[in-house]
Amino acid sequence: MEETVLNIPLLWADHHVLAVRGAILSVEGIGKLEVSALQHTATIAYDPTKTAPEAIVAALSQAGYAVGDDDDAPVVPPAVEAARSWAASGSRVTATNPVDLAMSGDHRKY
């Protein structure tokens, strides 16, 4: 098994991790796989007799996750950036659902 680390700039949330894992695992010859949204990377062990890094990159590109250079900054879609507008105000207020408070006893701890 050989190992490669790919930088994936659009990898920034859990649902992206699942999509990237699915795309990579669809390639034959994949062994150990670690995908990190925090680091925007995928560490992949693969069998070089069954696949090559180019096939993995192609599968990711087809799934909409282009592989970038180490210097590429994560790209956050404009809709997500707009949803973060509350952060500019310096405060965030939320309300707790009373039903959640009523059901927050020890029986909810796993």
PDB file of N, CA and C in Angstrom:
ATOM      1  N   MET A   1       0.835  -1.181   0.000  1.00  0.00           N
ATOM      2  CA  MET A   1       0.000   0.000   0.000  1.00  0.00           C
ATOM      3  C   MET A   1       0.881   1.246   0.000  1.00  0.00           C
ATOM      4  N   GLU A   2       0.478   2.192  -0.814  1.00  0.00           N
ATOM      5  CA  GLU A   2       1.121   3.497  -0.833  1.00  0.00           C
ATOM      6  C   GLU A   2       0.144   4.498  -0.246  1.00  0.00           C
ATOM      7  N   GLU A   3       0.668   5.643   0.157  1.00  0.00           N
ATOM      8  CA  GLU A   3      -0.188   6.647   0.783  1.00  0.00           C
ATOM      9  C   GLU A   3      -0.012   7.996   0.110  1.00  0.00           C
ATOM     10  N   THR A   4      -1.108   8.728  -0.007  1.00  0.00           N
ATOM     11  CA  THR A   4      -1.066  10.074  -0.557  1.00  0.00           C
ATOM     12  C   THR A   4      -1.976  10.960   0.285  1.00  0.00           C
ATOM     13  N   VAL A   5      -1.642  12.243   0.352  1.00  0.00           N
ATOM     14  CA  VAL A   5      -2.459  13.226   1.054  1.00  0.00           C
ATOM     15  C   VAL A   5      -2.903  14.258   0.026  1.00  0.00           C
ATOM     16  N   LEU A   6      -4.222  14.456  -0.074  1.00  0.00           N
ATOM     17  CA  LEU A   6      -4.772  15.409  -1.037  1.00  0.00           C
ATOM     18  C   LEU A   6      -5.403  16.577  -0.293  1.00  0.00           C
ATOM     19  N   ASN A   7      -5.133  17.789  -0.758  1.00  0.00           N
ATOM     20  CA  ASN A   7      -5.754  18.984  -0.212  1.00  0.00           C
ATOM     21  C   ASN A   7      -7.037  19.239  -0.994  1.00  0.00           C
ATOM     22  N   ILE A   8      -8.154  19.370  -0.277  1.00  0.00           N
ATOM     23  CA  ILE A   8      -9.457  19.571  -0.916  1.00  0.00           C
ATOM     24  C   ILE A   8     -10.061  20.847  -0.338  1.00  0.00           C
ATOM     25  N   PRO A   9      -9.886  21.990  -1.010  1.00  0.00           N
ATOM     26  CA  PRO A   9     -10.316  23.276  -0.456  1.00  0.00           C
ATOM     27  C   PRO A   9     -11.808  23.364  -0.128  1.00  0.00           C
ATOM     28  N   LEU A  10     -12.677  22.685  -0.858  1.00  0.00           N
ATOM     29  CA  LEU A  10     -14.118  22.777  -0.604  1.00  0.00           C
ATOM     30  C   LEU A  10     -14.594  21.840   0.506  1.00  0.00           C
ATOM     31  N   LEU A  11     -13.696  21.164   1.141  1.00  0.00           N
ATOM     32  CA  LEU A  11     -14.028  20.229   2.218  1.00  0.00           C
ATOM     33  C   LEU A  11     -14.055  21.003   3.536  1.00  0.00           C
ATOM     34  N   TRP A  12     -15.259  21.388   3.985  1.00  0.00           N
ATOM     35  CA  TRP A  12     -15.333  22.205   5.186  1.00  0.00           C
ATOM     36  C   TRP A  12     -16.456  21.823   6.137  1.00  0.00           C
ATOM     37  N   ALA A  13     -17.260  20.831   5.809  1.00  0.00           N
ATOM     38  CA  ALA A  13     -18.363  20.436   6.690  1.00  0.00           C
ATOM     39  C   ALA A  13     -18.525  18.919   6.678  1.00  0.00           C
ATOM     40  N   ASP A  14     -19.278  18.426   7.666  1.00  0.00           N
ATOM     41  CA  ASP A  14     -19.448  16.981   7.804  1.00  0.00           C
ATOM     42  C   ASP A  14     -20.083  16.336   6.581  1.00  0.00           C
ATOM     43  N   HIS A  15     -21.058  17.006   5.967  1.00  0.00           N
ATOM     44  CA  HIS A  15     -21.679  16.393   4.793  1.00  0.00           C
ATOM     45  C   HIS A  15     -20.700  16.340   3.620  1.00  0.00           C
ATOM     46  N   HIS A  16     -19.727  17.245   3.600  1.00  0.00           N
ATOM     47  CA  HIS A  16     -18.690  17.167   2.573  1.00  0.00           C
ATOM     48  C   HIS A  16     -17.758  15.993   2.853  1.00  0.00           C
ATOM     49  N   VAL A  17     -17.468  15.757   4.112  1.00  0.00           N
ATOM     50  CA  VAL A  17     -16.627  14.605   4.477  1.00  0.00           C
ATOM     51  C   VAL A  17     -17.276  13.319   3.984  1.00  0.00           C
ATOM     52  N   LEU A  18     -18.579  13.181   4.191  1.00  0.00           N
ATOM     53  CA  LEU A  18     -19.277  11.979   3.735  1.00  0.00           C
ATOM     54  C   LEU A  18     -19.240  11.846   2.213  1.00  0.00           C
ATOM     55  N   ALA A  19     -19.429  12.965   1.512  1.00  0.00           N
ATOM     56  CA  ALA A  19     -19.406  12.928   0.041  1.00  0.00           C
ATOM     57  C   ALA A  19     -18.009  12.584  -0.474  1.00  0.00           C
ATOM     58  N   VAL A  20     -16.982  13.168   0.142  1.00  0.00           N
ATOM     59  CA  VAL A  20     -15.600  12.888  -0.279  1.00  0.00           C
ATOM     60  C   VAL A  20     -15.254  11.431   0.001  1.00  0.00           C
ATOM     61  N   ARG A  21     -15.635  10.922   1.178  1.00  0.00           N
ATOM     62  CA  ARG A  21     -15.384   9.510   1.493  1.00  0.00           C
ATOM     63  C   ARG A  21     -16.063   8.599   0.468  1.00  0.00           C
ATOM     64  N   GLY A  22     -17.304   8.910   0.127  1.00  0.00           N
ATOM     65  CA  GLY A  22     -18.024   8.101  -0.853  1.00  0.00           C
ATOM     66  C   GLY A  22     -17.355   8.102  -2.208  1.00  0.00           C
ATOM     67  N   ALA A  23     -16.885   9.280  -2.633  1.00  0.00           N
ATOM     68  CA  ALA A  23     -16.216   9.380  -3.933  1.00  0.00           C
ATOM     69  C   ALA A  23     -14.912   8.591  -3.942  1.00  0.00           C
ATOM     70  N   ILE A  24     -14.146   8.709  -2.867  1.00  0.00           N
ATOM     71  CA  ILE A  24     -12.851   8.008  -2.814  1.00  0.00           C
ATOM     72  C   ILE A  24     -13.062   6.500  -2.699  1.00  0.00           C
ATOM     73  N   LEU A  25     -14.005   6.091  -1.876  1.00  0.00           N
ATOM     74  CA  LEU A  25     -14.236   4.654  -1.692  1.00  0.00           C
ATOM     75  C   LEU A  25     -14.840   3.986  -2.919  1.00  0.00           C
ATOM     76  N   SER A  26     -15.328   4.784  -3.868  1.00  0.00           N
ATOM     77  CA  SER A  26     -15.850   4.201  -5.105  1.00  0.00           C
ATOM     78  C   SER A  26     -14.724   3.740  -6.034  1.00  0.00           C
ATOM     79  N   VAL A  27     -13.511   4.157  -5.737  1.00  0.00           N
ATOM     80  CA  VAL A  27     -12.343   3.767  -6.530  1.00  0.00           C
ATOM     81  C   VAL A  27     -11.810   2.441  -5.993  1.00  0.00           C
ATOM     82  N   GLU A  28     -11.560   1.513  -6.886  1.00  0.00           N
ATOM     83  CA  GLU A  28     -11.045   0.202  -6.485  1.00  0.00           C
ATOM     84  C   GLU A  28      -9.620   0.324  -5.949  1.00  0.00           C
ATOM     85  N   GLY A  29      -9.315  -0.442  -4.907  1.00  0.00           N
ATOM     86  CA  GLY A  29      -7.959  -0.495  -4.384  1.00  0.00           C
ATOM     87  C   GLY A  29      -7.686   0.450  -3.226  1.00  0.00           C
ATOM     88  N   ILE A  30      -8.736   1.066  -2.671  1.00  0.00           N
ATOM     89  CA  ILE A  30      -8.552   1.990  -1.552  1.00  0.00           C
ATOM     90  C   ILE A  30      -8.478   1.195  -0.257  1.00  0.00           C
ATOM     91  N   GLY A  31      -7.508   1.531   0.561  1.00  0.00           N
ATOM     92  CA  GLY A  31      -7.366   0.896   1.875  1.00  0.00           C
ATOM     93  C   GLY A  31      -7.789   1.858   2.958  1.00  0.00           C
ATOM     94  N   LYS A  32      -6.865   2.239   3.813  1.00  0.00           N
ATOM     95  CA  LYS A  32      -7.148   3.165   4.904  1.00  0.00           C
ATOM     96  C   LYS A  32      -7.477   4.548   4.350  1.00  0.00           C
ATOM     97  N   LEU A  33      -8.476   5.193   4.940  1.00  0.00           N
ATOM     98  CA  LEU A  33      -8.910   6.503   4.466  1.00  0.00           C
ATOM     99  C   LEU A  33      -9.239   7.384   5.652  1.00  0.00           C
ATOM    100  N   GLU A  34      -8.640   8.561   5.720  1.00  0.00           N
ATOM    101  CA  GLU A  34      -8.950   9.555   6.750  1.00  0.00           C
ATOM    102  C   GLU A  34      -9.253  10.868   6.047  1.00  0.00           C
ATOM    103  N   VAL A  35     -10.424  11.427   6.318  1.00  0.00           N
ATOM    104  CA  VAL A  35     -10.845  12.682   5.702  1.00  0.00           C
ATOM    105  C   VAL A  35     -11.083  13.687   6.822  1.00  0.00           C
ATOM    106  N   SER A  36     -10.478  14.873   6.713  1.00  0.00           N
ATOM    107  CA  SER A  36     -10.585  15.888   7.752  1.00  0.00           C
ATOM    108  C   SER A  36     -11.127  17.194   7.185  1.00  0.00           C
ATOM    109  N   ALA A  37     -12.299  17.610   7.683  1.00  0.00           N
ATOM    110  CA  ALA A  37     -12.850  18.905   7.287  1.00  0.00           C
ATOM    111  C   ALA A  37     -12.042  20.034   7.921  1.00  0.00           C
ATOM    112  N   LEU A  38     -11.478  19.799   9.096  1.00  0.00           N
ATOM    113  CA  LEU A  38     -10.685  20.815   9.775  1.00  0.00           C
ATOM    114  C   LEU A  38      -9.428  21.159   8.979  1.00  0.00           C
ATOM    115  N   GLN A  39      -8.756  20.135   8.471  1.00  0.00           N
ATOM    116  CA  GLN A  39      -7.508  20.356   7.727  1.00  0.00           C
ATOM    117  C   GLN A  39      -7.725  20.426   6.224  1.00  0.00           C
ATOM    118  N   HIS A  40      -8.937  20.144   5.761  1.00  0.00           N
ATOM    119  CA  HIS A  40      -9.265  20.152   4.332  1.00  0.00           C
ATOM    120  C   HIS A  40      -8.398  19.154   3.565  1.00  0.00           C
ATOM    121  N   THR A  41      -8.185  17.985   4.169  1.00  0.00           N
ATOM    122  CA  THR A  41      -7.333  16.973   3.548  1.00  0.00           C
ATOM    123  C   THR A  41      -7.984  15.594   3.578  1.00  0.00           C
ATOM    124  N   ALA A  42      -7.506  14.762   2.673  1.00  0.00           N
ATOM    125  CA  ALA A  42      -7.837  13.340   2.671  1.00  0.00           C
ATOM    126  C   ALA A  42      -6.525  12.575   2.613  1.00  0.00           C
ATOM    127  N   THR A  43      -6.314  11.702   3.591  1.00  0.00           N
ATOM    128  CA  THR A  43      -5.135  10.841   3.619  1.00  0.00           C
ATOM    129  C   THR A  43      -5.595   9.463   3.171  1.00  0.00           C
ATOM    130  N   ILE A  44      -5.001   8.990   2.084  1.00  0.00           N
ATOM    131  CA  ILE A  44      -5.508   7.796   1.418  1.00  0.00           C
ATOM    132  C   ILE A  44      -4.396   6.776   1.247  1.00  0.00           C
ATOM    133  N   ALA A  45      -4.647   5.557   1.706  1.00  0.00           N
ATOM    134  CA  ALA A  45      -3.764   4.434   1.411  1.00  0.00           C
ATOM    135  C   ALA A  45      -4.412   3.660   0.271  1.00  0.00           C
ATOM    136  N   TYR A  46      -3.618   3.354  -0.749  1.00  0.00           N
ATOM    137  CA  TYR A  46      -4.182   2.683  -1.921  1.00  0.00           C
ATOM    138  C   TYR A  46      -3.206   1.633  -2.438  1.00  0.00           C
ATOM    139  N   ASP A  47      -3.759   0.660  -3.143  1.00  0.00           N
ATOM    140  CA  ASP A  47      -2.969  -0.395  -3.761  1.00  0.00           C
ATOM    141  C   ASP A  47      -2.554   0.083  -5.156  1.00  0.00           C
ATOM    142  N   PRO A  48      -1.258   0.331  -5.389  1.00  0.00           N
ATOM    143  CA  PRO A  48      -0.820   0.862  -6.682  1.00  0.00           C
ATOM    144  C   PRO A  48      -1.018  -0.099  -7.854  1.00  0.00           C
ATOM    145  N   THR A  49      -1.271  -1.379  -7.574  1.00  0.00           N
ATOM    146  CA  THR A  49      -1.541  -2.312  -8.670  1.00  0.00           C
ATOM    147  C   THR A  49      -2.994  -2.219  -9.136  1.00  0.00           C
ATOM    148  N   LYS A  50      -3.851  -1.580  -8.326  1.00  0.00           N
ATOM    149  CA  LYS A  50      -5.270  -1.478  -8.670  1.00  0.00           C
ATOM    150  C   LYS A  50      -5.706  -0.067  -9.036  1.00  0.00           C
ATOM    151  N   THR A  51      -5.000   0.954  -8.537  1.00  0.00           N
ATOM    152  CA  THR A  51      -5.393   2.328  -8.818  1.00  0.00           C
ATOM    153  C   THR A  51      -4.184   3.251  -8.728  1.00  0.00           C
ATOM    154  N   ALA A  52      -4.404   4.489  -9.102  1.00  0.00           N
ATOM    155  CA  ALA A  52      -3.354   5.508  -9.053  1.00  0.00           C
ATOM    156  C   ALA A  52      -3.962   6.790  -8.486  1.00  0.00           C
ATOM    157  N   PRO A  53      -3.137   7.681  -7.963  1.00  0.00           N
ATOM    158  CA  PRO A  53      -3.668   8.943  -7.434  1.00  0.00           C
ATOM    159  C   PRO A  53      -4.499   9.716  -8.457  1.00  0.00           C
ATOM    160  N   GLU A  54      -4.164   9.598  -9.725  1.00  0.00           N
ATOM    161  CA  GLU A  54      -4.919  10.302 -10.764  1.00  0.00           C
ATOM    162  C   GLU A  54      -6.378   9.839 -10.805  1.00  0.00           C
ATOM    163  N   ALA A  55      -6.610   8.538 -10.579  1.00  0.00           N
ATOM    164  CA  ALA A  55      -7.980   8.007 -10.573  1.00  0.00           C
ATOM    165  C   ALA A  55      -8.757   8.536  -9.371  1.00  0.00           C
ATOM    166  N   ILE A  56      -8.074   8.694  -8.252  1.00  0.00           N
ATOM    167  CA  ILE A  56      -8.716   9.230  -7.050  1.00  0.00           C
ATOM    168  C   ILE A  56      -9.081  10.692  -7.272  1.00  0.00           C
ATOM    169  N   VAL A  57      -8.146  11.460  -7.834  1.00  0.00           N
ATOM    170  CA  VAL A  57      -8.392  12.874  -8.132  1.00  0.00           C
ATOM    171  C   VAL A  57      -9.548  13.014  -9.117  1.00  0.00           C
ATOM    172  N   ALA A  58      -9.610  12.135 -10.109  1.00  0.00           N
ATOM    173  CA  ALA A  58     -10.701  12.178 -11.086  1.00  0.00           C
ATOM    174  C   ALA A  58     -12.044  11.888 -10.426  1.00  0.00           C
ATOM    175  N   ALA A  59     -12.085  10.921  -9.516  1.00  0.00           N
ATOM    176  CA  ALA A  59     -13.333  10.600  -8.807  1.00  0.00           C
ATOM    177  C   ALA A  59     -13.781  11.777  -7.946  1.00  0.00           C
ATOM    178  N   LEU A  60     -12.831  12.438  -7.295  1.00  0.00           N
ATOM    179  CA  LEU A  60     -13.167  13.612  -6.492  1.00  0.00           C
ATOM    180  C   LEU A  60     -13.675  14.754  -7.363  1.00  0.00           C
ATOM    181  N   SER A  61     -13.018  14.990  -8.482  1.00  0.00           N
ATOM    182  CA  SER A  61     -13.445  16.055  -9.395  1.00  0.00           C
ATOM    183  C   SER A  61     -14.844  15.796  -9.927  1.00  0.00           C
ATOM    184  N   GLN A  62     -15.121  14.544 -10.257  1.00  0.00           N
ATOM    185  CA  GLN A  62     -16.442  14.178 -10.760  1.00  0.00           C
ATOM    186  C   GLN A  62     -17.511  14.407  -9.689  1.00  0.00           C
ATOM    187  N   ALA A  63     -17.148  14.257  -8.417  1.00  0.00           N
ATOM    188  CA  ALA A  63     -18.091  14.473  -7.317  1.00  0.00           C
ATOM    189  C   ALA A  63     -18.200  15.951  -6.939  1.00  0.00           C
ATOM    190  N   GLY A  64     -17.389  16.814  -7.575  1.00  0.00           N
ATOM    191  CA  GLY A  64     -17.460  18.247  -7.309  1.00  0.00           C
ATOM    192  C   GLY A  64     -16.462  18.753  -6.290  1.00  0.00           C
ATOM    193  N   TYR A  65     -15.463  17.944  -5.972  1.00  0.00           N
ATOM    194  CA  TYR A  65     -14.450  18.325  -4.992  1.00  0.00           C
ATOM    195  C   TYR A  65     -13.077  18.319  -5.653  1.00  0.00           C
ATOM    196  N   ALA A  66     -12.730  19.453  -6.248  1.00  0.00           N
ATOM    197  CA  ALA A  66     -11.447  19.556  -6.933  1.00  0.00           C
ATOM    198  C   ALA A  66     -10.314  19.555  -5.914  1.00  0.00           C
ATOM    199  N   VAL A  67      -9.232  18.916  -6.272  1.00  0.00           N
ATOM    200  CA  VAL A  67      -8.046  18.873  -5.433  1.00  0.00           C
ATOM    201  C   VAL A  67      -7.239  20.133  -5.707  1.00  0.00           C
ATOM    202  N   GLY A  68      -6.792  20.804  -4.641  1.00  0.00           N
ATOM    203  CA  GLY A  68      -6.054  22.049  -4.782  1.00  0.00           C
ATOM    204  C   GLY A  68      -4.638  21.939  -4.275  1.00  0.00           C
ATOM    205  N   ASP A  69      -3.915  23.039  -4.408  1.00  0.00           N
ATOM    206  CA  ASP A  69      -2.550  23.114  -3.897  1.00  0.00           C
ATOM    207  C   ASP A  69      -2.576  23.363  -2.394  1.00  0.00           C
ATOM    208  N   ASP A  70      -1.447  23.148  -1.743  1.00  0.00           N
ATOM    209  CA  ASP A  70      -1.358  23.385  -0.305  1.00  0.00           C
ATOM    210  C   ASP A  70      -1.612  24.846   0.047  1.00  0.00           C
ATOM    211  N   ASP A  71      -1.373  25.759  -0.867  1.00  0.00           N
ATOM    212  CA  ASP A  71      -1.559  27.183  -0.598  1.00  0.00           C
ATOM    213  C   ASP A  71      -2.994  27.645  -0.783  1.00  0.00           C
ATOM    214  N   ASP A  72      -3.854  26.787  -1.331  1.00  0.00           N
ATOM    215  CA  ASP A  72      -5.248  27.177  -1.552  1.00  0.00           C
ATOM    216  C   ASP A  72      -5.970  27.332  -0.225  1.00  0.00           C
ATOM    217  N   ALA A  73      -6.663  28.425  -0.081  1.00  0.00           N
ATOM    218  CA  ALA A  73      -7.464  28.650   1.123  1.00  0.00           C
ATOM    219  C   ALA A  73      -8.812  27.974   0.945  1.00  0.00           C
ATOM    220  N   PRO A  74      -9.405  27.527   2.037  1.00  0.00           N
ATOM    221  CA  PRO A  74     -10.738  26.948   1.919  1.00  0.00           C
ATOM    222  C   PRO A  74     -11.709  27.964   1.329  1.00  0.00           C
ATOM    223  N   VAL A  75     -12.536  27.490   0.432  1.00  0.00           N
ATOM    224  CA  VAL A  75     -13.520  28.352  -0.209  1.00  0.00           C
ATOM    225  C   VAL A  75     -14.869  28.097   0.446  1.00  0.00           C
ATOM    226  N   VAL A  76     -15.458  29.137   0.989  1.00  0.00           N
ATOM    227  CA  VAL A  76     -16.769  29.013   1.617  1.00  0.00           C
ATOM    228  C   VAL A  76     -17.793  29.587   0.645  1.00  0.00           C
ATOM    229  N   PRO A  77     -18.811  28.810   0.289  1.00  0.00           N
ATOM    230  CA  PRO A  77     -19.825  29.309  -0.637  1.00  0.00           C
ATOM    231  C   PRO A  77     -20.474  30.592  -0.116  1.00  0.00           C
ATOM    232  N   PRO A  78     -20.877  31.501  -1.019  1.00  0.00           N
ATOM    233  CA  PRO A  78     -21.471  32.780  -0.601  1.00  0.00           C
ATOM    234  C   PRO A  78     -22.691  32.630   0.303  1.00  0.00           C
ATOM    235  N   ALA A  79     -23.508  31.611   0.072  1.00  0.00           N
ATOM    236  CA  ALA A  79     -24.694  31.417   0.911  1.00  0.00           C
ATOM    237  C   ALA A  79     -24.303  31.128   2.355  1.00  0.00           C
ATOM    238  N   VAL A  80     -23.239  30.379   2.539  1.00  0.00           N
ATOM    239  CA  VAL A  80     -22.781  30.074   3.893  1.00  0.00           C
ATOM    240  C   VAL A  80     -22.195  31.326   4.535  1.00  0.00           C
ATOM    241  N   GLU A  81     -21.436  32.070   3.770  1.00  0.00           N
ATOM    242  CA  GLU A  81     -20.863  33.314   4.286  1.00  0.00           C
ATOM    243  C   GLU A  81     -21.961  34.275   4.706  1.00  0.00           C
ATOM    244  N   ALA A  82     -23.046  34.363   3.940  1.00  0.00           N
ATOM    245  CA  ALA A  82     -24.169  35.236   4.283  1.00  0.00           C
ATOM    246  C   ALA A  82     -24.860  34.762   5.560  1.00  0.00           C
ATOM    247  N   ALA A  83     -24.922  33.454   5.748  1.00  0.00           N
ATOM    248  CA  ALA A  83     -25.557  32.909   6.944  1.00  0.00           C
ATOM    249  C   ALA A  83     -24.745  33.207   8.199  1.00  0.00           C
ATOM    250  N   ARG A  84     -23.488  33.542   8.044  1.00  0.00           N
ATOM    251  CA  ARG A  84     -22.634  33.870   9.177  1.00  0.00           C
ATOM    252  C   ARG A  84     -22.740  35.340   9.570  1.00  0.00           C
ATOM    253  N   SER A  85     -23.670  36.088   8.994  1.00  0.00           N
ATOM    254  CA  SER A  85     -23.750  37.521   9.241  1.00  0.00           C
ATOM    255  C   SER A  85     -23.994  37.846  10.705  1.00  0.00           C
ATOM    256  N   TRP A  86     -24.568  36.924  11.478  1.00  0.00           N
ATOM    257  CA  TRP A  86     -24.785  37.170  12.895  1.00  0.00           C
ATOM    258  C   TRP A  86     -23.466  37.404  13.619  1.00  0.00           C
ATOM    259  N   ALA A  87     -22.382  36.820  13.101  1.00  0.00           N
ATOM    260  CA  ALA A  87     -21.088  36.961  13.764  1.00  0.00           C
ATOM    261  C   ALA A  87     -20.587  38.403  13.720  1.00  0.00           C
ATOM    262  N   ALA A  88     -20.984  39.154  12.709  1.00  0.00           N
ATOM    263  CA  ALA A  88     -20.528  40.536  12.582  1.00  0.00           C
ATOM    264  C   ALA A  88     -21.107  41.422  13.680  1.00  0.00           C
ATOM    265  N   SER A  89     -22.262  41.058  14.214  1.00  0.00           N
ATOM    266  CA  SER A  89     -22.887  41.887  15.243  1.00  0.00           C
ATOM    267  C   SER A  89     -22.186  41.754  16.588  1.00  0.00           C
ATOM    268  N   GLY A  90     -21.402  40.714  16.769  1.00  0.00           N
ATOM    269  CA  GLY A  90     -20.673  40.531  18.020  1.00  0.00           C
ATOM    270  C   GLY A  90     -21.457  39.785  19.081  1.00  0.00           C
ATOM    271  N   SER A  91     -22.715  39.473  18.831  1.00  0.00           N
ATOM    272  CA  SER A  91     -23.490  38.716  19.804  1.00  0.00           C
ATOM    273  C   SER A  91     -24.437  37.776  19.073  1.00  0.00           C
ATOM    274  N   ARG A  92     -24.843  36.776  19.794  1.00  0.00           N
ATOM    275  CA  ARG A  92     -25.784  35.814  19.225  1.00  0.00           C
ATOM    276  C   ARG A  92     -26.739  35.408  20.339  1.00  0.00           C
ATOM    277  N   VAL A  93     -28.002  35.524  20.100  1.00  0.00           N
ATOM    278  CA  VAL A  93     -29.009  35.197  21.097  1.00  0.00           C
ATOM    279  C   VAL A  93     -29.813  34.014  20.586  1.00  0.00           C
ATOM    280  N   THR A  94     -29.968  33.026  21.444  1.00  0.00           N
ATOM    281  CA  THR A  94     -30.799  31.881  21.095  1.00  0.00           C
ATOM    282  C   THR A  94     -31.770  31.613  22.236  1.00  0.00           C
ATOM    283  N   ALA A  95     -32.839  30.953  21.948  1.00  0.00           N
ATOM    284  CA  ALA A  95     -33.824  30.586  22.962  1.00  0.00           C
ATOM    285  C   ALA A  95     -33.854  29.077  23.091  1.00  0.00           C
ATOM    286  N   THR A  96     -33.934  28.606  24.323  1.00  0.00           N
ATOM    287  CA  THR A  96     -34.016  27.180  24.567  1.00  0.00           C
ATOM    288  C   THR A  96     -35.470  26.746  24.529  1.00  0.00           C
ATOM    289  N   ASN A  97     -35.720  25.677  23.826  1.00  0.00           N
ATOM    290  CA  ASN A  97     -37.064  25.125  23.737  1.00  0.00           C
ATOM    291  C   ASN A  97     -37.455  24.563  25.103  1.00  0.00           C
ATOM    292  N   PRO A  98     -38.603  24.970  25.666  1.00  0.00           N
ATOM    293  CA  PRO A  98     -39.024  24.470  26.981  1.00  0.00           C
ATOM    294  C   PRO A  98     -39.160  22.953  27.034  1.00  0.00           C
ATOM    295  N   VAL A  99     -39.537  22.337  25.931  1.00  0.00           N
ATOM    296  CA  VAL A  99     -39.651  20.874  25.896  1.00  0.00           C
ATOM    297  C   VAL A  99     -38.283  20.238  26.108  1.00  0.00           C
ATOM    298  N   ASP A 100     -37.250  20.829  25.531  1.00  0.00           N
ATOM    299  CA  ASP A 100     -35.897  20.307  25.735  1.00  0.00           C
ATOM    300  C   ASP A 100     -35.489  20.413  27.198  1.00  0.00           C
ATOM    301  N   LEU A 101     -35.847  21.528  27.844  1.00  0.00           N
ATOM    302  CA  LEU A 101     -35.529  21.683  29.257  1.00  0.00           C
ATOM    303  C   LEU A 101     -36.244  20.638  30.106  1.00  0.00           C
ATOM    304  N   ALA A 102     -37.512  20.376  29.787  1.00  0.00           N
ATOM    305  CA  ALA A 102     -38.283  19.399  30.548  1.00  0.00           C
ATOM    306  C   ALA A 102     -37.745  17.985  30.379  1.00  0.00           C
ATOM    307  N   MET A 103     -37.120  17.706  29.242  1.00  0.00           N
ATOM    308  CA  MET A 103     -36.634  16.356  28.963  1.00  0.00           C
ATOM    309  C   MET A 103     -35.133  16.234  29.192  1.00  0.00           C
ATOM    310  N   SER A 104     -34.544  17.127  29.978  1.00  0.00           N
ATOM    311  CA  SER A 104     -33.085  17.130  30.088  1.00  0.00           C
ATOM    312  C   SER A 104     -32.582  16.402  31.317  1.00  0.00           C
ATOM    313  N   GLY A 105     -33.352  15.444  31.819  1.00  0.00           N
ATOM    314  CA  GLY A 105     -32.943  14.692  32.995  1.00  0.00           C
ATOM    315  C   GLY A 105     -31.874  13.662  32.693  1.00  0.00           C
ATOM    316  N   ASP A 106     -31.526  12.879  33.704  1.00  0.00           N
ATOM    317  CA  ASP A 106     -30.486  11.864  33.561  1.00  0.00           C
ATOM    318  C   ASP A 106     -30.825  10.798  32.525  1.00  0.00           C
ATOM    319  N   HIS A 107     -32.119  10.578  32.260  1.00  0.00           N
ATOM    320  CA  HIS A 107     -32.508   9.543  31.309  1.00  0.00           C
ATOM    321  C   HIS A 107     -32.055   9.880  29.894  1.00  0.00           C
ATOM    322  N   ARG A 108     -31.692  11.131  29.622  1.00  0.00           N
ATOM    323  CA  ARG A 108     -31.241  11.527  28.286  1.00  0.00           C
ATOM    324  C   ARG A 108     -29.758  11.337  28.085  1.00  0.00           C
ATOM    325  N   LYS A 109     -29.036  11.040  29.147  1.00  0.00           N
ATOM    326  CA  LYS A 109     -27.585  10.837  29.049  1.00  0.00           C
ATOM    327  C   LYS A 109     -27.313   9.417  28.605  1.00  0.00           C
ATOM    328  N   TYR A 110     -26.460   9.268  27.649  1.00  0.00           N
ATOM    329  CA  TYR A 110     -26.189   7.926  27.111  1.00  0.00           C
ATOM    330  C   TYR A 110     -24.969   7.329  27.745  1.00  0.00           C
TER     331      TYR A 110
END
